[in-house]
């Protein structure tokens, strides 16, 4: 079964940057699109960014567009989320996820992702 493990979260000041990593095992990352999602306290799960299998297409939530960049290194079975110009509103637990079927791509649609990591906490505070 596909497994995903996030890392790289932490405490950062407003305007700062973090890079999250998503290490995949159990299957080759090259066959799966990857999405990044987040959940702030008391709020629903929110799609943040998504990337196709080869990285040829990406999608971003309006709230992070221009500040976040999703990427992947299939040779390392790892996907990334570079987060710049962080705001307190970005504070959340961040999850990476993959769809059930190899090759499927449903940008930012939480209901279409079936494999999830355990999440990594990102806190943006002064």
C-alpha atoms as a PDB file:
ATOM      1  CA  UNK A   1       0.000   0.000   0.000  1.00  0.00           C
ATOM      2  CA  UNK A   2       1.187   3.490  -0.774  1.00  0.00           C
ATOM      3  CA  UNK A   3       2.608   5.297   2.246  1.00  0.00           C
ATOM      4  CA  UNK A   4       3.418   8.971   2.599  1.00  0.00           C
ATOM      5  CA  UNK A   5       5.361  10.716   5.338  1.00  0.00           C
ATOM      6  CA  UNK A   6       5.547  14.495   5.662  1.00  0.00           C
ATOM      7  CA  UNK A   7       8.385  16.406   7.246  1.00  0.00           C
ATOM      8  CA  UNK A   8       9.766  19.928   7.418  1.00  0.00           C
ATOM      9  CA  UNK A   9       7.124  21.682   9.453  1.00  0.00           C
ATOM     10  CA  UNK A  10       7.910  23.988  12.321  1.00  0.00           C
ATOM     11  CA  UNK A  11       7.631  27.492  13.699  1.00  0.00           C
ATOM     12  CA  UNK A  12       8.384  30.396  11.389  1.00  0.00           C
ATOM     13  CA  UNK A  13       7.929  34.164  11.585  1.00  0.00           C
ATOM     14  CA  UNK A  14       5.511  35.963   9.263  1.00  0.00           C
ATOM     15  CA  UNK A  15       7.216  36.563   5.943  1.00  0.00           C
ATOM     16  CA  UNK A  16       9.495  33.589   6.414  1.00  0.00           C
ATOM     17  CA  UNK A  17       9.812  30.376   4.446  1.00  0.00           C
ATOM     18  CA  UNK A  18       9.593  26.638   4.959  1.00  0.00           C
ATOM     19  CA  UNK A  19       9.945  23.662   2.672  1.00  0.00           C
ATOM     20  CA  UNK A  20       7.862  20.603   3.360  1.00  0.00           C
ATOM     21  CA  UNK A  21       8.815  17.167   2.088  1.00  0.00           C
ATOM     22  CA  UNK A  22       6.633  14.162   1.323  1.00  0.00           C
ATOM     23  CA  UNK A  23       8.488  10.870   1.173  1.00  0.00           C
ATOM     24  CA  UNK A  24       6.570   8.104  -0.599  1.00  0.00           C
ATOM     25  CA  UNK A  25       7.051   4.362  -0.240  1.00  0.00           C
ATOM     26  CA  UNK A  26       5.168   1.233  -1.281  1.00  0.00           C
ATOM     27  CA  UNK A  27       5.015   2.314  -4.923  1.00  0.00           C
ATOM     28  CA  UNK A  28       6.874   4.507  -7.355  1.00  0.00           C
ATOM     29  CA  UNK A  29       5.958   8.148  -6.926  1.00  0.00           C
ATOM     30  CA  UNK A  30       6.322   8.577 -10.676  1.00  0.00           C
ATOM     31  CA  UNK A  31       2.912   6.973 -11.251  1.00  0.00           C
ATOM     32  CA  UNK A  32       0.959   9.236  -8.907  1.00  0.00           C
ATOM     33  CA  UNK A  33      -0.112  12.814  -8.791  1.00  0.00           C
ATOM     34  CA  UNK A  34       0.462  14.489  -5.420  1.00  0.00           C
ATOM     35  CA  UNK A  35      -1.637  16.984  -3.541  1.00  0.00           C
ATOM     36  CA  UNK A  36      -0.846  19.108  -0.516  1.00  0.00           C
ATOM     37  CA  UNK A  37      -3.684  19.902   1.869  1.00  0.00           C
ATOM     38  CA  UNK A  38      -3.949  21.657   5.182  1.00  0.00           C
ATOM     39  CA  UNK A  39      -6.275  21.829   8.132  1.00  0.00           C
ATOM     40  CA  UNK A  40      -6.328  24.769  10.499  1.00  0.00           C
ATOM     41  CA  UNK A  41      -7.930  24.458  13.949  1.00  0.00           C
ATOM     42  CA  UNK A  42     -11.706  24.435  13.647  1.00  0.00           C
ATOM     43  CA  UNK A  43     -11.628  24.482   9.860  1.00  0.00           C
ATOM     44  CA  UNK A  44     -12.185  21.954   7.116  1.00  0.00           C
ATOM     45  CA  UNK A  45      -9.454  20.308   5.138  1.00  0.00           C
ATOM     46  CA  UNK A  46      -8.316  22.669   2.384  1.00  0.00           C
ATOM     47  CA  UNK A  47      -6.569  21.917  -0.871  1.00  0.00           C
ATOM     48  CA  UNK A  48      -3.322  23.866  -1.179  1.00  0.00           C
ATOM     49  CA  UNK A  49      -1.428  22.620  -4.227  1.00  0.00           C
ATOM     50  CA  UNK A  50      -1.302  19.677  -6.605  1.00  0.00           C
ATOM     51  CA  UNK A  51       1.091  18.365  -9.215  1.00  0.00           C
ATOM     52  CA  UNK A  52       0.830  15.828 -12.022  1.00  0.00           C
ATOM     53  CA  UNK A  53       2.973  12.707 -12.259  1.00  0.00           C
ATOM     54  CA  UNK A  54       5.791  14.328 -14.227  1.00  0.00           C
ATOM     55  CA  UNK A  55       5.307  17.794 -12.823  1.00  0.00           C
ATOM     56  CA  UNK A  56       4.025  19.183 -16.104  1.00  0.00           C
ATOM     57  CA  UNK A  57       0.981  20.792 -14.540  1.00  0.00           C
ATOM     58  CA  UNK A  58       0.372  22.347 -11.139  1.00  0.00           C
ATOM     59  CA  UNK A  59      -2.594  23.875  -9.368  1.00  0.00           C
ATOM     60  CA  UNK A  60      -2.793  26.176  -6.368  1.00  0.00           C
ATOM     61  CA  UNK A  61      -5.418  27.521  -4.072  1.00  0.00           C
ATOM     62  CA  UNK A  62      -6.013  31.231  -4.548  1.00  0.00           C
ATOM     63  CA  UNK A  63      -4.896  31.851  -0.989  1.00  0.00           C
ATOM     64  CA  UNK A  64      -1.369  30.551  -1.671  1.00  0.00           C
ATOM     65  CA  UNK A  65      -0.920  31.226  -5.370  1.00  0.00           C
ATOM     66  CA  UNK A  66       2.286  33.140  -5.965  1.00  0.00           C
ATOM     67  CA  UNK A  67       3.686  32.246  -2.559  1.00  0.00           C
ATOM     68  CA  UNK A  68       3.805  28.438  -2.577  1.00  0.00           C
ATOM     69  CA  UNK A  69       5.466  26.142  -5.094  1.00  0.00           C
ATOM     70  CA  UNK A  70       4.843  22.421  -5.404  1.00  0.00           C
ATOM     71  CA  UNK A  71       7.494  20.216  -6.971  1.00  0.00           C
ATOM     72  CA  UNK A  72       8.592  16.609  -7.116  1.00  0.00           C
ATOM     73  CA  UNK A  73      11.691  14.481  -7.513  1.00  0.00           C
ATOM     74  CA  UNK A  74      10.494  11.104  -8.711  1.00  0.00           C
ATOM     75  CA  UNK A  75      13.972   9.602  -8.515  1.00  0.00           C
ATOM     76  CA  UNK A  76      13.892  10.277  -4.770  1.00  0.00           C
ATOM     77  CA  UNK A  77      10.221   9.358  -4.378  1.00  0.00           C
ATOM     78  CA  UNK A  78       9.731  12.737  -2.758  1.00  0.00           C
ATOM     79  CA  UNK A  79       7.409  15.666  -3.341  1.00  0.00           C
ATOM     80  CA  UNK A  80       7.904  19.138  -1.913  1.00  0.00           C
ATOM     81  CA  UNK A  81       5.996  22.235  -0.979  1.00  0.00           C
ATOM     82  CA  UNK A  82       8.062  25.397  -0.867  1.00  0.00           C
ATOM     83  CA  UNK A  83       6.244  28.006   1.193  1.00  0.00           C
ATOM     84  CA  UNK A  84       7.372  31.617   0.989  1.00  0.00           C
ATOM     85  CA  UNK A  85       5.995  34.850   2.413  1.00  0.00           C
ATOM     86  CA  UNK A  86       4.209  32.900   5.089  1.00  0.00           C
ATOM     87  CA  UNK A  87       1.274  34.444   6.900  1.00  0.00           C
ATOM     88  CA  UNK A  88      -0.321  33.590  10.242  1.00  0.00           C
ATOM     89  CA  UNK A  89      -3.318  32.351   8.252  1.00  0.00           C
ATOM     90  CA  UNK A  90      -1.099  29.605   6.845  1.00  0.00           C
ATOM     91  CA  UNK A  91      -0.874  27.998  10.270  1.00  0.00           C
ATOM     92  CA  UNK A  92      -2.217  24.463   9.950  1.00  0.00           C
ATOM     93  CA  UNK A  93      -1.353  20.813   9.840  1.00  0.00           C
ATOM     94  CA  UNK A  94      -0.145  20.093   6.320  1.00  0.00           C
ATOM     95  CA  UNK A  95      -0.763  16.757   4.629  1.00  0.00           C
ATOM     96  CA  UNK A  96       0.415  15.267   1.391  1.00  0.00           C
ATOM     97  CA  UNK A  97      -1.834  12.841  -0.436  1.00  0.00           C
ATOM     98  CA  UNK A  98      -2.109  10.680  -3.535  1.00  0.00           C
ATOM     99  CA  UNK A  99      -5.157   9.544  -5.519  1.00  0.00           C
ATOM    100  CA  UNK A 100      -6.337   5.945  -5.507  1.00  0.00           C
ATOM    101  CA  UNK A 101      -5.544   5.271  -9.141  1.00  0.00           C
ATOM    102  CA  UNK A 102      -2.193   5.788 -10.758  1.00  0.00           C
ATOM    103  CA  UNK A 103      -2.328   8.523 -13.343  1.00  0.00           C
ATOM    104  CA  UNK A 104      -5.456  10.185 -11.949  1.00  0.00           C
ATOM    105  CA  UNK A 105      -5.389  13.924 -11.322  1.00  0.00           C
ATOM    106  CA  UNK A 106      -8.047  15.804  -9.380  1.00  0.00           C
ATOM    107  CA  UNK A 107      -6.531  19.132  -8.419  1.00  0.00           C
ATOM    108  CA  UNK A 108      -7.318  20.232  -4.878  1.00  0.00           C
ATOM    109  CA  UNK A 109     -10.318  17.909  -4.576  1.00  0.00           C
ATOM    110  CA  UNK A 110      -9.900  16.336  -1.147  1.00  0.00           C
ATOM    111  CA  UNK A 111     -12.469  13.645  -1.891  1.00  0.00           C
ATOM    112  CA  UNK A 112     -10.416  12.222  -4.737  1.00  0.00           C
ATOM    113  CA  UNK A 113      -7.320  11.529  -2.665  1.00  0.00           C
ATOM    114  CA  UNK A 114      -7.145   8.188  -0.893  1.00  0.00           C
ATOM    115  CA  UNK A 115      -3.613   7.898   0.465  1.00  0.00           C
ATOM    116  CA  UNK A 116      -2.631  10.356   3.172  1.00  0.00           C
ATOM    117  CA  UNK A 117       0.341  11.091   5.336  1.00  0.00           C
ATOM    118  CA  UNK A 118       0.128  11.807   9.052  1.00  0.00           C
ATOM    119  CA  UNK A 119       0.711  15.515   8.633  1.00  0.00           C
ATOM    120  CA  UNK A 120       3.290  18.041   9.763  1.00  0.00           C
ATOM    121  CA  UNK A 121       2.542  21.139  11.823  1.00  0.00           C
ATOM    122  CA  UNK A 122       3.299  24.560  10.388  1.00  0.00           C
ATOM    123  CA  UNK A 123       2.972  27.503  12.737  1.00  0.00           C
ATOM    124  CA  UNK A 124       3.438  31.075  11.515  1.00  0.00           C
ATOM    125  CA  UNK A 125       3.689  33.450  14.429  1.00  0.00           C
ATOM    126  CA  UNK A 126       5.695  36.387  15.691  1.00  0.00           C
END
